[in-house]
Amino acid sequence: QVQLVESGGGLVQAGDSLRLSCVASGRTFSWYGMGWFRQAPGKEREFVAAISRTGGSTYYADSLKGRFTISRDNAKNTTYLQMKGLKAEDTAVYYCATHVYGSTWYEERGYDYWGQGTQVTVSS
């Protein structure tokens, strides 16, 4: 199995930037594409961004493209989500997950192992 631990969340003001990290252990990190999802209070979990095993391809929710950037460092078993120009509506618990090869990048059903989440709260 794979263990994923997210970190980097916190309380920030609108307009601030924040970088989330997801550290993997267990199976070889480079075997998996990775994704970020988020879940706001009272809402369903939604796709944020994803990145292929080598980092050669990235995928974003249309509403976030250009403001959020996903990256990875396989030597550190870590994937990142750089968030810029944060808005109150970005407030959510952010989760990272391992992608199932050949599955959709944009939906929860395309992923298998999940982290515990990290809270991002943006004040306005």
C-alpha atoms as a PDB file:
ATOM      1  CA  GLN A   1       0.000   0.000   0.000  1.00  0.00           C
ATOM      2  CA  VAL A   2       0.897   3.661  -0.275  1.00  0.00           C
ATOM      3  CA  GLN A   3       0.791   6.250   2.479  1.00  0.00           C
ATOM      4  CA  LEU A   4       0.306   9.892   1.548  1.00  0.00           C
ATOM      5  CA  VAL A   5       0.722  12.847   3.893  1.00  0.00           C
ATOM      6  CA  GLU A   6      -0.307  16.352   2.878  1.00  0.00           C
ATOM      7  CA  SER A   7       1.071  19.468   4.513  1.00  0.00           C
ATOM      8  CA  GLY A   8       1.345  23.201   3.950  1.00  0.00           C
ATOM      9  CA  GLY A   9      -2.224  24.242   4.597  1.00  0.00           C
ATOM     10  CA  GLY A  10      -3.184  27.049   6.915  1.00  0.00           C
ATOM     11  CA  LEU A  11      -5.040  30.305   7.333  1.00  0.00           C
ATOM     12  CA  VAL A  12      -4.208  32.984   4.763  1.00  0.00           C
ATOM     13  CA  GLN A  13      -5.724  36.171   3.398  1.00  0.00           C
ATOM     14  CA  ALA A  14      -7.288  36.551  -0.015  1.00  0.00           C
ATOM     15  CA  GLY A  15      -4.614  37.214  -2.609  1.00  0.00           C
ATOM     16  CA  ASP A  16      -1.941  35.229  -0.795  1.00  0.00           C
ATOM     17  CA  SER A  17      -0.014  32.272  -2.163  1.00  0.00           C
ATOM     18  CA  LEU A  18       0.469  28.868  -0.605  1.00  0.00           C
ATOM     19  CA  ARG A  19       2.293  25.683  -1.566  1.00  0.00           C
ATOM     20  CA  LEU A  20       0.949  22.328  -0.508  1.00  0.00           C
ATOM     21  CA  SER A  21       3.125  19.230  -0.342  1.00  0.00           C
ATOM     22  CA  CYS A  22       2.252  15.551  -0.506  1.00  0.00           C
ATOM     23  CA  VAL A  23       4.899  13.066   0.606  1.00  0.00           C
ATOM     24  CA  ALA A  24       4.492   9.425  -0.371  1.00  0.00           C
ATOM     25  CA  SER A  25       5.866   6.299   1.248  1.00  0.00           C
ATOM     26  CA  GLY A  26       5.433   2.586   0.670  1.00  0.00           C
ATOM     27  CA  ARG A  27       5.435   1.705  -3.015  1.00  0.00           C
ATOM     28  CA  THR A  28       7.745   3.484  -5.393  1.00  0.00           C
ATOM     29  CA  PHE A  29       6.426   7.006  -5.850  1.00  0.00           C
ATOM     30  CA  SER A  30       7.413   7.216  -9.486  1.00  0.00           C
ATOM     31  CA  TRP A  31       5.035   4.358 -10.340  1.00  0.00           C
ATOM     32  CA  TYR A  32       2.060   6.687  -9.960  1.00  0.00           C
ATOM     33  CA  GLY A  33       0.581   9.734 -11.499  1.00  0.00           C
ATOM     34  CA  MET A  34      -0.699  12.040  -8.768  1.00  0.00           C
ATOM     35  CA  GLY A  35      -3.723  14.228  -8.308  1.00  0.00           C
ATOM     36  CA  TRP A  36      -5.031  16.933  -6.020  1.00  0.00           C
ATOM     37  CA  PHE A  37      -8.679  17.237  -5.031  1.00  0.00           C
ATOM     38  CA  ARG A  38     -10.469  19.516  -2.626  1.00  0.00           C
ATOM     39  CA  GLN A  39     -13.664  19.454  -0.613  1.00  0.00           C
ATOM     40  CA  ALA A  40     -15.325  22.560   0.772  1.00  0.00           C
ATOM     41  CA  PRO A  41     -17.919  22.445   3.563  1.00  0.00           C
ATOM     42  CA  GLY A  42     -21.242  21.226   2.232  1.00  0.00           C
ATOM     43  CA  LYS A  43     -19.834  20.469  -1.217  1.00  0.00           C
ATOM     44  CA  GLU A  44     -18.690  17.365  -3.045  1.00  0.00           C
ATOM     45  CA  ARG A  45     -15.043  16.596  -3.575  1.00  0.00           C
ATOM     46  CA  GLU A  46     -13.789  18.188  -6.779  1.00  0.00           C
ATOM     47  CA  PHE A  47     -10.795  17.759  -9.023  1.00  0.00           C
ATOM     48  CA  VAL A  48      -8.048  20.362  -8.807  1.00  0.00           C
ATOM     49  CA  ALA A  49      -4.992  19.174 -10.725  1.00  0.00           C
ATOM     50  CA  ALA A  50      -3.020  16.090 -11.710  1.00  0.00           C
ATOM     51  CA  ILE A  51       0.412  15.188 -13.019  1.00  0.00           C
ATOM     52  CA  SER A  52       1.750  12.152 -14.854  1.00  0.00           C
ATOM     53  CA  ARG A  53       4.387   9.787 -13.496  1.00  0.00           C
ATOM     54  CA  THR A  54       7.334  11.663 -14.952  1.00  0.00           C
ATOM     55  CA  GLY A  55       5.775  15.095 -14.755  1.00  0.00           C
ATOM     56  CA  GLY A  56       5.542  15.347 -18.524  1.00  0.00           C
ATOM     57  CA  SER A  57       1.798  15.969 -18.566  1.00  0.00           C
ATOM     58  CA  THR A  58      -0.388  18.062 -16.288  1.00  0.00           C
ATOM     59  CA  TYR A  59      -4.134  18.432 -15.980  1.00  0.00           C
ATOM     60  CA  TYR A  60      -6.193  21.176 -14.350  1.00  0.00           C
ATOM     61  CA  ALA A  61      -9.737  22.078 -13.539  1.00  0.00           C
ATOM     62  CA  ASP A  62     -10.706  24.738 -16.078  1.00  0.00           C
ATOM     63  CA  SER A  63     -11.532  27.272 -13.389  1.00  0.00           C
ATOM     64  CA  LEU A  64      -8.118  26.928 -11.747  1.00  0.00           C
ATOM     65  CA  LYS A  65      -5.786  26.715 -14.714  1.00  0.00           C
ATOM     66  CA  GLY A  66      -3.363  29.625 -14.678  1.00  0.00           C
ATOM     67  CA  ARG A  67      -3.677  30.182 -10.949  1.00  0.00           C
ATOM     68  CA  PHE A  68      -2.718  26.765  -9.557  1.00  0.00           C
ATOM     69  CA  THR A  69       0.345  24.767 -10.619  1.00  0.00           C
ATOM     70  CA  ILE A  70       1.082  21.114  -9.925  1.00  0.00           C
ATOM     71  CA  SER A  71       4.613  19.723  -9.916  1.00  0.00           C
ATOM     72  CA  ARG A  72       6.551  16.763  -8.552  1.00  0.00           C
ATOM     73  CA  ASP A  73      10.002  15.764  -7.383  1.00  0.00           C
ATOM     74  CA  ASN A  74      10.330  12.003  -7.633  1.00  0.00           C
ATOM     75  CA  ALA A  75      13.697  12.024  -5.870  1.00  0.00           C
ATOM     76  CA  LYS A  76      11.886  13.405  -2.813  1.00  0.00           C
ATOM     77  CA  ASN A  77       8.729  11.296  -3.264  1.00  0.00           C
ATOM     78  CA  THR A  78       6.793  14.542  -3.225  1.00  0.00           C
ATOM     79  CA  THR A  79       4.161  16.259  -5.314  1.00  0.00           C
ATOM     80  CA  TYR A  80       3.286  19.934  -4.888  1.00  0.00           C
ATOM     81  CA  LEU A  81       0.380  22.242  -5.486  1.00  0.00           C
ATOM     82  CA  GLN A  82       1.354  25.898  -5.817  1.00  0.00           C
ATOM     83  CA  MET A  83      -1.660  28.131  -5.283  1.00  0.00           C
ATOM     84  CA  LYS A  84      -1.583  31.810  -6.198  1.00  0.00           C
ATOM     85  CA  GLY A  85      -4.095  34.593  -5.813  1.00  0.00           C
ATOM     86  CA  LEU A  86      -6.115  32.626  -3.292  1.00  0.00           C
ATOM     87  CA  LYS A  87      -9.793  33.424  -2.949  1.00  0.00           C
ATOM     88  CA  ALA A  88     -12.297  32.750  -0.200  1.00  0.00           C
ATOM     89  CA  GLU A  89     -13.912  30.113  -2.402  1.00  0.00           C
ATOM     90  CA  ASP A  90     -10.638  28.160  -2.371  1.00  0.00           C
ATOM     91  CA  THR A  91     -11.271  27.333   1.283  1.00  0.00           C
ATOM     92  CA  ALA A  92     -11.403  23.548   1.525  1.00  0.00           C
ATOM     93  CA  VAL A  93      -9.640  20.437   2.688  1.00  0.00           C
ATOM     94  CA  TYR A  94      -7.107  19.523   0.015  1.00  0.00           C
ATOM     95  CA  TYR A  95      -6.280  15.877  -0.665  1.00  0.00           C
ATOM     96  CA  CYS A  96      -3.625  14.194  -2.762  1.00  0.00           C
ATOM     97  CA  ALA A  97      -4.126  10.778  -4.314  1.00  0.00           C
ATOM     98  CA  THR A  98      -2.380   8.213  -6.491  1.00  0.00           C
ATOM     99  CA  HIS A  99      -3.662   7.839 -10.015  1.00  0.00           C
ATOM    100  CA  VAL A 100      -4.655   4.481 -11.453  1.00  0.00           C
ATOM    101  CA  TYR A 101      -2.857   3.973 -14.742  1.00  0.00           C
ATOM    102  CA  GLY A 102      -5.200   4.215 -17.695  1.00  0.00           C
ATOM    103  CA  SER A 103      -7.986   5.827 -15.669  1.00  0.00           C
ATOM    104  CA  THR A 104      -9.554   9.263 -15.888  1.00  0.00           C
ATOM    105  CA  TRP A 105      -7.461  12.116 -14.547  1.00  0.00           C
ATOM    106  CA  TYR A 106     -10.448  14.298 -13.704  1.00  0.00           C
ATOM    107  CA  GLU A 107     -12.624  12.190 -11.401  1.00  0.00           C
ATOM    108  CA  GLU A 108     -12.250  10.471  -8.027  1.00  0.00           C
ATOM    109  CA  ARG A 109     -12.799   7.042  -9.570  1.00  0.00           C
ATOM    110  CA  GLY A 110      -9.450   7.400 -11.354  1.00  0.00           C
ATOM    111  CA  TYR A 111      -7.504   7.288  -8.088  1.00  0.00           C
ATOM    112  CA  ASP A 112      -6.897   4.676  -5.401  1.00  0.00           C
ATOM    113  CA  TYR A 113      -4.777   5.773  -2.414  1.00  0.00           C
ATOM    114  CA  TRP A 114      -5.624   9.022  -0.621  1.00  0.00           C
ATOM    115  CA  GLY A 115      -4.002  11.209   1.993  1.00  0.00           C
ATOM    116  CA  GLN A 116      -5.692  12.565   5.106  1.00  0.00           C
ATOM    117  CA  GLY A 117      -6.042  16.069   3.728  1.00  0.00           C
ATOM    118  CA  THR A 118      -4.765  19.474   4.749  1.00  0.00           C
ATOM    119  CA  GLN A 119      -6.998  22.435   5.552  1.00  0.00           C
ATOM    120  CA  VAL A 120      -6.691  25.639   3.561  1.00  0.00           C
ATOM    121  CA  THR A 121      -8.692  28.577   4.857  1.00  0.00           C
ATOM    122  CA  VAL A 122      -8.740  31.864   2.949  1.00  0.00           C
ATOM    123  CA  SER A 123     -10.138  34.881   4.757  1.00  0.00           C
ATOM    124  CA  SER A 124     -11.921  37.710   2.971  1.00  0.00           C
END
